[in-house]
């Protein structure tokens, strides 16, 4: 299997820094509650001096959404949505230990983190512009078709596993209690992303090792080395 961005995405967003991690052996029968406060405190400290929309990581994604002709305050990247909810409620709902952990990492780094169940992916995932005939399973259960030219995470079966790039994931490949193998993707566009994304991957890999005793394979992609094979 492989993960990659299309040549067109790299041409339009040369500042992109994607980090990828794959791991096998996760389960829902663990607790991560004692590991979240440290990450939440990082987000609290940052939000004490600025709103999420003022953070450089979020501003970079807002500019990207504007370039994609999306209204940034209508369609937010996943990390901005999490930070916004966390600022208002000072907590996030518990979903699954791995999702809770990755959401906390996303809060701390202000970088979108997507987690996919590998068994629901056909052959590969490519971040590319949609043709408009891809199928996307929403969490409501409805099947949607992305708009032409919308940025999606598409597999070999022409299924979109995320819409509007870092805005919304699909129910199809969402992590569930039976999930064992995962693909985790973190993408950043801000100045300093080349340092922050590897730190984020290292944080997730360390947590996977500590909580689940599994080893992760990681990689940081670039325009010259755009493909991650696993």
C-alpha atoms as a PDB file:
ATOM      1  CA  UNK A   1       0.000   0.000   0.000  1.00  0.00           C
ATOM      2  CA  UNK A   2       1.082   3.591  -0.362  1.00  0.00           C
ATOM      3  CA  UNK A   3       0.247   7.143   0.611  1.00  0.00           C
ATOM      4  CA  UNK A   4       1.072  10.168  -1.523  1.00  0.00           C
ATOM      5  CA  UNK A   5       0.038  13.623  -2.720  1.00  0.00           C
ATOM      6  CA  UNK A   6      -0.547  14.333  -6.384  1.00  0.00           C
ATOM      7  CA  UNK A   7       1.948  16.324  -8.404  1.00  0.00           C
ATOM      8  CA  UNK A   8      -0.663  19.048  -8.747  1.00  0.00           C
ATOM      9  CA  UNK A   9      -1.053  19.383  -4.971  1.00  0.00           C
ATOM     10  CA  UNK A  10       2.713  19.764  -4.588  1.00  0.00           C
ATOM     11  CA  UNK A  11       2.755  22.406  -7.324  1.00  0.00           C
ATOM     12  CA  UNK A  12      -0.023  24.405  -5.690  1.00  0.00           C
ATOM     13  CA  UNK A  13       1.242  24.005  -2.108  1.00  0.00           C
ATOM     14  CA  UNK A  14       5.049  23.721  -2.238  1.00  0.00           C
ATOM     15  CA  UNK A  15       5.257  24.687   1.451  1.00  0.00           C
ATOM     16  CA  UNK A  16       3.409  21.488   2.458  1.00  0.00           C
ATOM     17  CA  UNK A  17       5.064  19.208   5.033  1.00  0.00           C
ATOM     18  CA  UNK A  18       3.229  15.865   5.372  1.00  0.00           C
ATOM     19  CA  UNK A  19       4.082  13.325   8.051  1.00  0.00           C
ATOM     20  CA  UNK A  20       2.899   9.716   7.830  1.00  0.00           C
ATOM     21  CA  UNK A  21       2.816   6.901  10.388  1.00  0.00           C
ATOM     22  CA  UNK A  22       1.572   3.330  10.153  1.00  0.00           C
ATOM     23  CA  UNK A  23       1.195   0.866  13.007  1.00  0.00           C
ATOM     24  CA  UNK A  24      -0.383  -2.508  13.637  1.00  0.00           C
ATOM     25  CA  UNK A  25      -1.653  -3.858  16.939  1.00  0.00           C
ATOM     26  CA  UNK A  26      -3.782  -1.070  18.401  1.00  0.00           C
ATOM     27  CA  UNK A  27      -7.024  -1.837  20.228  1.00  0.00           C
ATOM     28  CA  UNK A  28      -9.702  -0.079  22.246  1.00  0.00           C
ATOM     29  CA  UNK A  29      -9.096  -1.981  25.475  1.00  0.00           C
ATOM     30  CA  UNK A  30      -6.648   0.475  27.042  1.00  0.00           C
ATOM     31  CA  UNK A  31      -6.932   3.795  28.838  1.00  0.00           C
ATOM     32  CA  UNK A  32      -5.114   6.949  27.800  1.00  0.00           C
ATOM     33  CA  UNK A  33      -6.785   9.323  30.246  1.00  0.00           C
ATOM     34  CA  UNK A  34      -3.626   9.854  32.281  1.00  0.00           C
ATOM     35  CA  UNK A  35      -1.654  10.697  29.116  1.00  0.00           C
ATOM     36  CA  UNK A  36      -3.923  13.463  27.825  1.00  0.00           C
ATOM     37  CA  UNK A  37      -3.541  16.236  30.457  1.00  0.00           C
ATOM     38  CA  UNK A  38       0.079  16.960  29.496  1.00  0.00           C
ATOM     39  CA  UNK A  39      -0.917  17.528  25.873  1.00  0.00           C
ATOM     40  CA  UNK A  40      -4.027  19.483  26.861  1.00  0.00           C
ATOM     41  CA  UNK A  41      -1.909  21.817  29.005  1.00  0.00           C
ATOM     42  CA  UNK A  42       0.189  22.738  25.971  1.00  0.00           C
ATOM     43  CA  UNK A  43      -2.976  23.772  24.129  1.00  0.00           C
ATOM     44  CA  UNK A  44      -4.265  25.650  27.191  1.00  0.00           C
ATOM     45  CA  UNK A  45      -1.047  27.639  27.449  1.00  0.00           C
ATOM     46  CA  UNK A  46      -1.181  28.618  23.791  1.00  0.00           C
ATOM     47  CA  UNK A  47      -4.873  29.521  23.939  1.00  0.00           C
ATOM     48  CA  UNK A  48      -4.232  31.681  27.011  1.00  0.00           C
ATOM     49  CA  UNK A  49      -2.424  34.221  24.837  1.00  0.00           C
ATOM     50  CA  UNK A  50      -4.163  33.809  21.462  1.00  0.00           C
ATOM     51  CA  UNK A  51      -7.309  32.401  19.891  1.00  0.00           C
ATOM     52  CA  UNK A  52      -6.963  29.377  17.654  1.00  0.00           C
ATOM     53  CA  UNK A  53      -7.403  31.572  14.581  1.00  0.00           C
ATOM     54  CA  UNK A  54      -4.326  33.594  15.554  1.00  0.00           C
ATOM     55  CA  UNK A  55      -1.991  30.607  15.741  1.00  0.00           C
ATOM     56  CA  UNK A  56       0.440  30.451  12.783  1.00  0.00           C
ATOM     57  CA  UNK A  57      -0.380  26.795  12.124  1.00  0.00           C
ATOM     58  CA  UNK A  58      -4.085  27.607  11.759  1.00  0.00           C
ATOM     59  CA  UNK A  59      -3.511  30.800   9.800  1.00  0.00           C
ATOM     60  CA  UNK A  60      -1.558  28.799   7.219  1.00  0.00           C
ATOM     61  CA  UNK A  61      -4.473  26.401   6.767  1.00  0.00           C
ATOM     62  CA  UNK A  62      -6.940  29.297   6.551  1.00  0.00           C
ATOM     63  CA  UNK A  63      -4.868  30.747   3.707  1.00  0.00           C
ATOM     64  CA  UNK A  64      -4.859  27.346   2.014  1.00  0.00           C
ATOM     65  CA  UNK A  65      -8.639  27.035   2.307  1.00  0.00           C
ATOM     66  CA  UNK A  66      -9.011  30.501   0.792  1.00  0.00           C
ATOM     67  CA  UNK A  67      -6.807  29.418  -2.113  1.00  0.00           C
ATOM     68  CA  UNK A  68      -9.159  26.442  -2.575  1.00  0.00           C
ATOM     69  CA  UNK A  69     -12.099  28.903  -2.760  1.00  0.00           C
ATOM     70  CA  UNK A  70     -13.438  27.732   0.610  1.00  0.00           C
ATOM     71  CA  UNK A  71     -14.546  30.225   3.233  1.00  0.00           C
ATOM     72  CA  UNK A  72     -12.098  29.570   6.119  1.00  0.00           C
ATOM     73  CA  UNK A  73     -14.601  30.325   8.879  1.00  0.00           C
ATOM     74  CA  UNK A  74     -17.184  28.008   7.304  1.00  0.00           C
ATOM     75  CA  UNK A  75     -14.855  25.119   6.522  1.00  0.00           C
ATOM     76  CA  UNK A  76     -12.154  24.740   9.169  1.00  0.00           C
ATOM     77  CA  UNK A  77      -9.214  22.367   9.230  1.00  0.00           C
ATOM     78  CA  UNK A  78      -9.626  19.600  11.797  1.00  0.00           C
ATOM     79  CA  UNK A  79      -7.128  21.047  14.280  1.00  0.00           C
ATOM     80  CA  UNK A  80      -8.860  24.425  14.295  1.00  0.00           C
ATOM     81  CA  UNK A  81     -12.219  22.762  14.977  1.00  0.00           C
ATOM     82  CA  UNK A  82     -10.716  20.815  17.874  1.00  0.00           C
ATOM     83  CA  UNK A  83      -8.998  23.871  19.332  1.00  0.00           C
ATOM     84  CA  UNK A  84     -12.176  25.914  19.008  1.00  0.00           C
ATOM     85  CA  UNK A  85     -14.209  23.301  20.882  1.00  0.00           C
ATOM     86  CA  UNK A  86     -11.484  22.824  23.493  1.00  0.00           C
ATOM     87  CA  UNK A  87     -11.244  26.586  24.124  1.00  0.00           C
ATOM     88  CA  UNK A  88     -14.980  26.756  24.792  1.00  0.00           C
ATOM     89  CA  UNK A  89     -15.451  23.512  26.739  1.00  0.00           C
ATOM     90  CA  UNK A  90     -11.937  22.816  28.107  1.00  0.00           C
ATOM     91  CA  UNK A  91     -12.403  19.162  27.177  1.00  0.00           C
ATOM     92  CA  UNK A  92     -13.069  16.868  24.223  1.00  0.00           C
ATOM     93  CA  UNK A  93     -15.436  13.878  24.085  1.00  0.00           C
ATOM     94  CA  UNK A  94     -13.970  10.389  24.471  1.00  0.00           C
ATOM     95  CA  UNK A  95     -14.242   8.433  21.221  1.00  0.00           C
ATOM     96  CA  UNK A  96     -11.545   5.732  21.089  1.00  0.00           C
ATOM     97  CA  UNK A  97      -8.210   5.667  22.937  1.00  0.00           C
ATOM     98  CA  UNK A  98      -6.176   6.229  19.766  1.00  0.00           C
ATOM     99  CA  UNK A  99      -8.471   8.983  18.510  1.00  0.00           C
ATOM    100  CA  UNK A 100      -8.463  10.663  21.918  1.00  0.00           C
ATOM    101  CA  UNK A 101      -4.676  10.548  21.936  1.00  0.00           C
ATOM    102  CA  UNK A 102      -4.298  11.857  18.389  1.00  0.00           C
ATOM    103  CA  UNK A 103      -6.833  14.610  19.063  1.00  0.00           C
ATOM    104  CA  UNK A 104      -4.757  15.680  22.073  1.00  0.00           C
ATOM    105  CA  UNK A 105      -1.601  15.691  19.947  1.00  0.00           C
ATOM    106  CA  UNK A 106      -3.420  17.736  17.321  1.00  0.00           C
ATOM    107  CA  UNK A 107      -4.427  20.234  20.006  1.00  0.00           C
ATOM    108  CA  UNK A 108      -0.868  20.532  21.325  1.00  0.00           C
ATOM    109  CA  UNK A 109       0.695  21.046  17.893  1.00  0.00           C
ATOM    110  CA  UNK A 110      -2.290  22.844  16.255  1.00  0.00           C
ATOM    111  CA  UNK A 111      -1.748  20.547  13.255  1.00  0.00           C
ATOM    112  CA  UNK A 112      -4.485  18.376  11.671  1.00  0.00           C
ATOM    113  CA  UNK A 113      -4.035  14.671  12.405  1.00  0.00           C
ATOM    114  CA  UNK A 114      -6.084  12.129  10.460  1.00  0.00           C
ATOM    115  CA  UNK A 115      -6.370   8.487  11.537  1.00  0.00           C
ATOM    116  CA  UNK A 116      -7.593   5.796   9.118  1.00  0.00           C
ATOM    117  CA  UNK A 117      -8.390   2.103   9.514  1.00  0.00           C
ATOM    118  CA  UNK A 118      -6.076   0.526   6.935  1.00  0.00           C
ATOM    119  CA  UNK A 119      -8.419  -2.425   6.292  1.00  0.00           C
ATOM    120  CA  UNK A 120     -10.959  -0.035   4.741  1.00  0.00           C
ATOM    121  CA  UNK A 121      -8.491   1.435   2.231  1.00  0.00           C
ATOM    122  CA  UNK A 122      -8.207  -0.022  -1.277  1.00  0.00           C
ATOM    123  CA  UNK A 123      -4.534  -0.243  -2.317  1.00  0.00           C
ATOM    124  CA  UNK A 124      -3.500   3.373  -1.708  1.00  0.00           C
ATOM    125  CA  UNK A 125      -4.448   6.841  -0.560  1.00  0.00           C
ATOM    126  CA  UNK A 126      -3.690   9.842  -2.742  1.00  0.00           C
ATOM    127  CA  UNK A 127      -4.422  13.415  -1.739  1.00  0.00           C
ATOM    128  CA  UNK A 128      -5.625  14.903  -5.005  1.00  0.00           C
ATOM    129  CA  UNK A 129      -8.252  17.033  -6.683  1.00  0.00           C
ATOM    130  CA  UNK A 130     -11.587  15.274  -6.992  1.00  0.00           C
ATOM    131  CA  UNK A 131     -13.166  14.536 -10.340  1.00  0.00           C
ATOM    132  CA  UNK A 132     -16.601  14.670  -8.749  1.00  0.00           C
ATOM    133  CA  UNK A 133     -17.523  11.003  -9.164  1.00  0.00           C
ATOM    134  CA  UNK A 134     -15.833   9.795  -5.982  1.00  0.00           C
ATOM    135  CA  UNK A 135     -18.035   8.426  -3.194  1.00  0.00           C
ATOM    136  CA  UNK A 136     -17.800   9.680   0.376  1.00  0.00           C
ATOM    137  CA  UNK A 137     -19.613   8.085   3.312  1.00  0.00           C
ATOM    138  CA  UNK A 138     -20.607  10.772   5.810  1.00  0.00           C
ATOM    139  CA  UNK A 139     -20.995  10.014   9.527  1.00  0.00           C
ATOM    140  CA  UNK A 140     -24.734  10.542   9.025  1.00  0.00           C
ATOM    141  CA  UNK A 141     -24.731   7.459   6.804  1.00  0.00           C
ATOM    142  CA  UNK A 142     -25.389   9.428   3.637  1.00  0.00           C
ATOM    143  CA  UNK A 143     -23.237   8.952   0.556  1.00  0.00           C
ATOM    144  CA  UNK A 144     -21.919  12.165  -0.977  1.00  0.00           C
ATOM    145  CA  UNK A 145     -19.957  13.105  -4.066  1.00  0.00           C
ATOM    146  CA  UNK A 146     -17.190  15.660  -3.576  1.00  0.00           C
ATOM    147  CA  UNK A 147     -17.265  18.759  -5.727  1.00  0.00           C
ATOM    148  CA  UNK A 148     -15.016  18.686  -8.788  1.00  0.00           C
ATOM    149  CA  UNK A 149     -11.550  20.058  -7.933  1.00  0.00           C
ATOM    150  CA  UNK A 150     -12.161  19.637  -4.206  1.00  0.00           C
ATOM    151  CA  UNK A 151      -9.114  18.167  -2.449  1.00  0.00           C
ATOM    152  CA  UNK A 152      -9.838  14.635  -1.211  1.00  0.00           C
ATOM    153  CA  UNK A 153      -8.066  11.572   0.169  1.00  0.00           C
ATOM    154  CA  UNK A 154      -8.936   9.034  -2.541  1.00  0.00           C
ATOM    155  CA  UNK A 155      -8.205   5.306  -2.774  1.00  0.00           C
ATOM    156  CA  UNK A 156      -8.024   2.883  -5.700  1.00  0.00           C
ATOM    157  CA  UNK A 157     -11.765   2.171  -5.462  1.00  0.00           C
ATOM    158  CA  UNK A 158     -12.509   5.871  -6.067  1.00  0.00           C
ATOM    159  CA  UNK A 159     -13.692   6.349  -2.494  1.00  0.00           C
ATOM    160  CA  UNK A 160     -12.976   9.619  -0.718  1.00  0.00           C
ATOM    161  CA  UNK A 161     -11.735   9.054   2.833  1.00  0.00           C
ATOM    162  CA  UNK A 162     -11.662  12.790   3.589  1.00  0.00           C
ATOM    163  CA  UNK A 163     -13.304  15.850   2.034  1.00  0.00           C
ATOM    164  CA  UNK A 164     -11.993  19.380   1.685  1.00  0.00           C
ATOM    165  CA  UNK A 165      -8.504  18.117   2.482  1.00  0.00           C
ATOM    166  CA  UNK A 166      -8.189  18.451   6.283  1.00  0.00           C
ATOM    167  CA  UNK A 167     -11.799  19.408   6.952  1.00  0.00           C
ATOM    168  CA  UNK A 168     -13.779  16.183   7.345  1.00  0.00           C
ATOM    169  CA  UNK A 169     -13.001  12.451   7.378  1.00  0.00           C
ATOM    170  CA  UNK A 170     -15.208   9.621   6.160  1.00  0.00           C
ATOM    171  CA  UNK A 171     -17.162   7.223   8.323  1.00  0.00           C
ATOM    172  CA  UNK A 172     -15.948   4.369   6.103  1.00  0.00           C
ATOM    173  CA  UNK A 173     -12.360   4.277   7.358  1.00  0.00           C
ATOM    174  CA  UNK A 174     -12.931   5.781  10.797  1.00  0.00           C
ATOM    175  CA  UNK A 175     -11.234   3.992  13.684  1.00  0.00           C
ATOM    176  CA  UNK A 176     -13.566   1.653  15.569  1.00  0.00           C
ATOM    177  CA  UNK A 177     -13.288  -0.892  18.387  1.00  0.00           C
ATOM    178  CA  UNK A 178     -12.207  -3.618  15.927  1.00  0.00           C
ATOM    179  CA  UNK A 179      -9.447  -1.521  14.333  1.00  0.00           C
ATOM    180  CA  UNK A 180      -5.927  -2.933  14.563  1.00  0.00           C
ATOM    181  CA  UNK A 181      -3.933  -1.406  11.676  1.00  0.00           C
ATOM    182  CA  UNK A 182      -3.877   2.370  11.265  1.00  0.00           C
ATOM    183  CA  UNK A 183      -2.567   5.005   8.910  1.00  0.00           C
ATOM    184  CA  UNK A 184      -1.979   8.371  10.603  1.00  0.00           C
ATOM    185  CA  UNK A 185      -1.372  11.520   8.567  1.00  0.00           C
ATOM    186  CA  UNK A 186      -0.344  14.962   9.842  1.00  0.00           C
ATOM    187  CA  UNK A 187      -0.026  17.861   7.398  1.00  0.00           C
ATOM    188  CA  UNK A 188       1.248  21.387   7.994  1.00  0.00           C
ATOM    189  CA  UNK A 189       1.862  24.476   5.891  1.00  0.00           C
ATOM    190  CA  UNK A 190       3.254  27.015   8.352  1.00  0.00           C
ATOM    191  CA  UNK A 191       6.786  28.291   8.704  1.00  0.00           C
ATOM    192  CA  UNK A 192       8.509  25.873  11.048  1.00  0.00           C
ATOM    193  CA  UNK A 193       6.468  22.890   9.846  1.00  0.00           C
ATOM    194  CA  UNK A 194       9.640  21.053   8.825  1.00  0.00           C
ATOM    195  CA  UNK A 195      10.604  20.922  12.512  1.00  0.00           C
ATOM    196  CA  UNK A 196       7.138  20.521  14.018  1.00  0.00           C
ATOM    197  CA  UNK A 197       5.856  17.610  11.924  1.00  0.00           C
ATOM    198  CA  UNK A 198       8.736  15.227  12.801  1.00  0.00           C
ATOM    199  CA  UNK A 199       8.257  16.146  16.488  1.00  0.00           C
ATOM    200  CA  UNK A 200       4.563  15.368  16.184  1.00  0.00           C
ATOM    201  CA  UNK A 201       5.276  11.987  14.572  1.00  0.00           C
ATOM    202  CA  UNK A 202       7.789  11.167  17.296  1.00  0.00           C
ATOM    203  CA  UNK A 203       5.222  12.056  19.959  1.00  0.00           C
ATOM    204  CA  UNK A 204       2.607   9.748  18.436  1.00  0.00           C
ATOM    205  CA  UNK A 205       5.110   6.936  17.907  1.00  0.00           C
ATOM    206  CA  UNK A 206       6.271   7.187  21.546  1.00  0.00           C
ATOM    207  CA  UNK A 207       2.675   7.034  22.775  1.00  0.00           C
ATOM    208  CA  UNK A 208       1.923   4.006  20.601  1.00  0.00           C
ATOM    209  CA  UNK A 209       4.963   2.275  22.047  1.00  0.00           C
ATOM    210  CA  UNK A 210       4.070   3.169  25.643  1.00  0.00           C
ATOM    211  CA  UNK A 211       0.351   2.425  25.492  1.00  0.00           C
ATOM    212  CA  UNK A 212       0.078  -0.431  22.990  1.00  0.00           C
ATOM    213  CA  UNK A 213       3.690  -1.719  22.896  1.00  0.00           C
ATOM    214  CA  UNK A 214       3.713  -1.460  19.099  1.00  0.00           C
ATOM    215  CA  UNK A 215       6.386  -0.099  16.788  1.00  0.00           C
ATOM    216  CA  UNK A 216       5.436   2.473  14.179  1.00  0.00           C
ATOM    217  CA  UNK A 217       6.900   3.186  10.774  1.00  0.00           C
ATOM    218  CA  UNK A 218       7.100   6.910  10.082  1.00  0.00           C
ATOM    219  CA  UNK A 219       8.107   9.189   7.249  1.00  0.00           C
ATOM    220  CA  UNK A 220       8.123  12.854   6.287  1.00  0.00           C
ATOM    221  CA  UNK A 221       7.288  13.385   2.629  1.00  0.00           C
ATOM    222  CA  UNK A 222       8.496  16.046   0.219  1.00  0.00           C
ATOM    223  CA  UNK A 223       8.037  17.060  -3.374  1.00  0.00           C
ATOM    224  CA  UNK A 224      11.153  15.084  -4.303  1.00  0.00           C
ATOM    225  CA  UNK A 225      10.113  12.054  -2.201  1.00  0.00           C
ATOM    226  CA  UNK A 226       6.307  12.176  -2.246  1.00  0.00           C
ATOM    227  CA  UNK A 227       5.465   8.499  -1.659  1.00  0.00           C
ATOM    228  CA  UNK A 228       5.222   6.480   1.573  1.00  0.00           C
ATOM    229  CA  UNK A 229       5.032   2.708   1.009  1.00  0.00           C
ATOM    230  CA  UNK A 230       3.796   0.398   3.748  1.00  0.00           C
END
